[in-house]
Protein backbone atom coordinates (compact mmCIF):
# COMPACT_ATOMS: atom_id res chain seq x y z
CA MET A 1 0.00 0.00 0.00
CA ALA A 2 2.89 2.35 0.73
CA GLU A 3 4.10 1.84 -2.84
CA ILE A 4 0.76 2.91 -4.24
CA LYS A 5 0.71 5.96 -2.06
CA SER A 6 4.19 7.04 -3.13
CA THR A 7 3.30 6.54 -6.81
CA LEU A 8 0.19 8.65 -6.30
CA GLU A 9 2.28 11.32 -4.61
CA LYS A 10 4.69 11.29 -7.55
CA VAL A 11 1.86 11.69 -10.02
CA LEU A 12 0.43 14.59 -8.03
CA GLU A 13 3.84 16.28 -7.82
CA ARG A 14 4.35 15.89 -11.55
CA ALA A 15 0.89 17.30 -12.27
CA ALA A 16 1.58 20.28 -10.01
CA SER A 17 4.91 20.96 -11.70
CA MET A 18 3.28 20.80 -15.13
CA GLY A 19 1.06 23.70 -14.16
CA ARG A 20 4.02 25.91 -13.33
CA ALA A 21 5.95 27.54 -16.13
CA SER A 22 9.71 27.63 -15.90
CA GLN A 23 11.58 30.91 -15.95
CA GLU A 24 12.76 30.13 -19.49
CA GLU A 25 9.20 29.55 -20.67
CA ILE A 26 8.09 32.84 -19.12
CA GLN A 27 10.94 34.72 -20.81
CA ALA A 28 10.19 33.03 -24.14
CA GLU A 29 6.53 34.01 -23.90
CA GLU A 30 7.53 37.60 -23.11
CA LYS A 31 9.69 37.72 -26.26
CA VAL A 32 6.75 36.47 -28.35
CA ARG A 33 4.56 39.19 -26.78
CA GLU A 34 7.26 41.77 -27.56
CA GLY A 35 7.05 40.74 -31.22
CA MET A 36 3.27 40.98 -31.07
CA ARG A 37 3.50 44.52 -29.72
CA MET A 38 5.89 45.48 -32.50
CA ALA A 39 3.49 44.12 -35.12
CA ALA A 40 0.55 45.93 -33.51
CA ASP A 41 2.52 49.19 -33.57
CA TYR A 42 3.34 48.58 -37.24
CA LEU A 43 -0.34 48.03 -38.04
CA GLN A 44 -1.10 51.35 -36.33
CA GLU A 45 1.11 53.02 -38.97
CA SER A 46 4.27 53.23 -36.86
CA GLU A 47 7.54 52.65 -38.66
CA ILE A 48 9.31 49.65 -37.19
CA ASP A 49 12.82 48.48 -38.10
CA PHE A 50 12.27 44.76 -37.76
CA ALA A 51 15.87 43.84 -38.60
CA ALA A 52 17.32 46.10 -35.90
CA ALA A 53 14.81 44.91 -33.33
CA GLN A 54 15.66 41.26 -34.03
CA GLU A 55 19.42 41.86 -34.05
CA ALA A 56 19.23 43.58 -30.67
CA THR A 57 18.25 40.35 -28.94
CA SER A 58 19.34 36.75 -28.90
CA SER A 59 15.67 35.68 -28.99
CA SER A 60 14.99 36.96 -32.50
CA ALA A 61 13.13 33.75 -33.49
CA LEU A 62 10.65 34.28 -30.66
CA ILE A 63 10.14 37.94 -31.52
CA ARG A 64 9.72 36.98 -35.17
CA LYS A 65 7.12 34.38 -34.17
CA GLY A 66 5.05 37.03 -32.36
CA ILE A 67 5.28 39.43 -35.29
CA VAL A 68 4.24 36.81 -37.83
CA GLN A 69 1.35 35.60 -35.66
CA VAL A 70 -0.14 39.09 -35.47
CA PHE A 71 0.32 39.80 -39.16
CA LEU A 72 -1.26 36.51 -40.21
CA ARG A 73 -4.16 37.04 -37.80
CA ASN A 74 -4.83 40.42 -39.43
CA ILE A 75 -5.01 39.01 -42.93
CA ALA A 76 -8.71 38.27 -42.93
CA LEU A 77 -11.81 38.80 -45.00
CA PRO A 78 -12.93 42.40 -44.59
CA ARG A 79 -16.25 43.07 -42.92
CA ASP A 80 -16.73 46.14 -45.08
CA ASP A 81 -15.08 47.23 -48.32
CA ASN A 82 -11.88 48.22 -46.56
CA GLN A 83 -9.03 45.74 -46.71
CA LEU A 84 -6.31 48.22 -45.68
CA ARG A 85 -5.46 46.38 -42.45
CA ALA A 86 -4.88 43.11 -44.31
CA GLU A 87 -2.78 44.91 -46.91
CA ARG A 88 -0.74 46.57 -44.18
CA ALA A 89 -0.19 43.17 -42.52
CA MET A 90 1.01 41.71 -45.83
CA GLN A 91 3.36 44.65 -46.30
CA GLY A 92 4.64 44.03 -42.78
CA LEU A 93 5.44 40.42 -43.69
CA LEU A 94 7.35 41.65 -46.73
CA ASP A 95 9.20 44.27 -44.66
CA LEU A 96 10.05 41.63 -42.07
CA ASN A 97 11.52 39.41 -44.76
CA LYS A 98 13.08 42.12 -46.90
CA GLY A 99 10.74 41.60 -49.86
CA SER A 100 11.29 37.87 -50.38
CA SER A 101 10.11 37.03 -53.92
CA ASP A 102 8.24 33.83 -52.99
CA LEU A 103 6.57 35.64 -50.10
CA MET A 104 5.71 38.51 -52.43
CA THR A 105 3.97 36.04 -54.74
CA ILE A 106 1.93 34.56 -51.88
CA CYS A 107 0.95 38.05 -50.67
CA LYS A 108 -0.18 39.02 -54.19
CA GLU A 109 -2.32 35.89 -54.29
CA MET A 110 -3.84 36.70 -50.89
CA LYS A 111 -4.59 40.25 -52.02
CA ALA A 112 -6.25 38.85 -55.14
CA ILE A 113 -8.35 36.54 -52.95
CA LEU A 114 -9.47 39.50 -50.82
CA THR A 115 -10.31 41.62 -53.86
CA HIS A 116 -12.16 38.78 -55.57
CA TYR A 117 -14.06 38.09 -52.35
CA GLN A 118 -15.34 41.65 -52.19
CA GLN A 119 -16.42 41.62 -55.84
CA HIS A 120 -18.01 38.19 -55.54
CA LYS A 121 -19.87 39.19 -52.35
CA LYS A 122 -21.29 42.33 -54.02
CA GLU A 123 -22.34 40.40 -57.10
CA ILE A 124 -24.06 37.64 -55.13
CA ARG A 125 -25.80 40.15 -52.84
CA ARG A 126 -27.12 42.02 -55.86
CA GLN A 127 -28.44 38.74 -57.33
CA VAL A 128 -30.13 37.76 -54.07
CA GLU A 129 -31.69 41.23 -53.75
CA ASP A 130 -33.00 41.07 -57.32
CA ALA A 131 -34.47 37.59 -56.79
CA PHE A 132 -36.19 38.67 -53.57
CA ARG A 133 -37.46 41.86 -55.19
CA GLN A 134 -39.05 39.87 -58.02
CA GLN A 135 -40.61 37.41 -55.57
CA MET A 136 -42.01 40.21 -53.44
CA GLU A 137 -43.38 42.14 -56.42
CA HIS A 138 -44.97 38.95 -57.77
CA ALA A 139 -46.54 38.16 -54.38
CA LEU A 140 -47.82 41.73 -54.07
CA ALA A 141 -49.31 41.60 -57.56
CA GLN A 142 -51.09 38.34 -56.73
CA GLN A 143 -52.48 39.75 -53.48
CA THR A 144 -53.80 42.96 -55.02
CA GLY A 145 -54.68 41.52 -58.41
CA GLN A 146 -52.90 44.42 -60.07
CA LYS A 147 -49.60 44.52 -61.75
CA GLY A 148 -47.16 47.39 -61.49
CA LEU A 149 -48.62 49.46 -58.70
CA GLY A 150 -45.60 51.74 -58.93
CA MET A 151 -44.48 50.78 -55.47
CA LYS A 152 -40.81 50.19 -54.87
CA VAL A 153 -40.13 47.07 -52.88
CA ASP A 154 -36.98 46.92 -50.74
CA PRO A 155 -36.09 43.27 -50.21
CA VAL A 156 -33.34 44.11 -47.71
CA LEU A 157 -35.96 44.99 -45.11
CA HIS A 158 -37.62 41.58 -45.32
CA PRO A 159 -36.56 39.18 -42.54
CA LYS A 160 -36.38 36.25 -44.98
CA PHE A 161 -33.87 38.18 -47.05
CA GLN A 162 -31.64 38.72 -44.02
CA GLU A 163 -31.89 35.04 -43.12
CA GLU A 164 -31.07 33.89 -46.66
CA TRP A 165 -28.26 36.42 -47.06
CA SER A 166 -26.69 35.30 -43.76
CA LYS A 167 -26.60 31.68 -44.98
CA ILE A 168 -25.14 32.60 -48.36
CA LYS A 169 -22.58 34.92 -46.83
CA ALA A 170 -21.50 32.27 -44.31
CA ASP A 171 -20.92 29.80 -47.16
CA LEU A 172 -19.02 32.41 -49.15
CA ASN A 173 -16.89 33.32 -46.13
CA ALA A 174 -16.07 29.67 -45.46
CA GLN A 175 -14.97 29.18 -49.05
CA TYR A 176 -12.73 32.24 -49.13
CA ASN A 177 -11.41 31.72 -45.60
CA GLY A 178 -10.31 28.24 -46.65
CA ALA A 179 -8.31 29.64 -49.56
CA LEU A 180 -6.85 32.38 -47.40
CA ASP A 181 -5.90 29.91 -44.65
CA GLN A 182 -4.00 27.78 -47.16
CA HIS A 183 -1.91 30.79 -48.17
CA LYS A 184 -1.34 31.79 -44.56
CA LYS A 185 -0.05 28.27 -43.83
CA GLN A 186 2.35 28.64 -46.77
CA VAL A 187 3.63 31.90 -45.29
CA ALA A 188 4.11 30.28 -41.88
CA GLU A 189 5.99 27.39 -43.47
CA ARG A 190 8.21 29.71 -45.54
CA LEU A 191 9.05 31.73 -42.46
CA ALA A 192 9.56 28.59 -40.35
CA VAL A 193 7.13 29.83 -37.73
CA VAL A 194 4.95 27.40 -35.81
CA LEU A 195 1.54 28.92 -35.20
């Protein structure tokens, strides 16, 4: 029985030690956060000399990891028509890597994905609006028995439109996010950063 108790004690001690981070782990995490702060400053239009910042410390790989994580996180489908933040993040990746040609190609492809997404989203929304408008006008004509009452119907205000548009937009976002994620993984691999 004493053997079982000592084994249990060992397991509990090991579990307790797993919860505590070593000093090295804490310092490493702080270096990653330092890189994240640098990237955030860059995205806020500050000029950052990434090379000098990395040369100033022996933990440049950790700082680089934090920078890349923030930049990749900010390359996302825009909620509105503004993709400036994503473009700034891509430029930051290029600045960090001194304009690497293969990275430049990937960033151009990501920018094309973002641009195509915006165009595709507008086109699909217009099609859905037109289809709903026709359905609503047809239903109104059937109810009143008259055609062309001269009333303008706004399908955007109809709850069914919002429901349908949400579904279509979610599918569209999933499709484009998948393509964007593939490119972001390529960037992470090229930069040898584990995300």
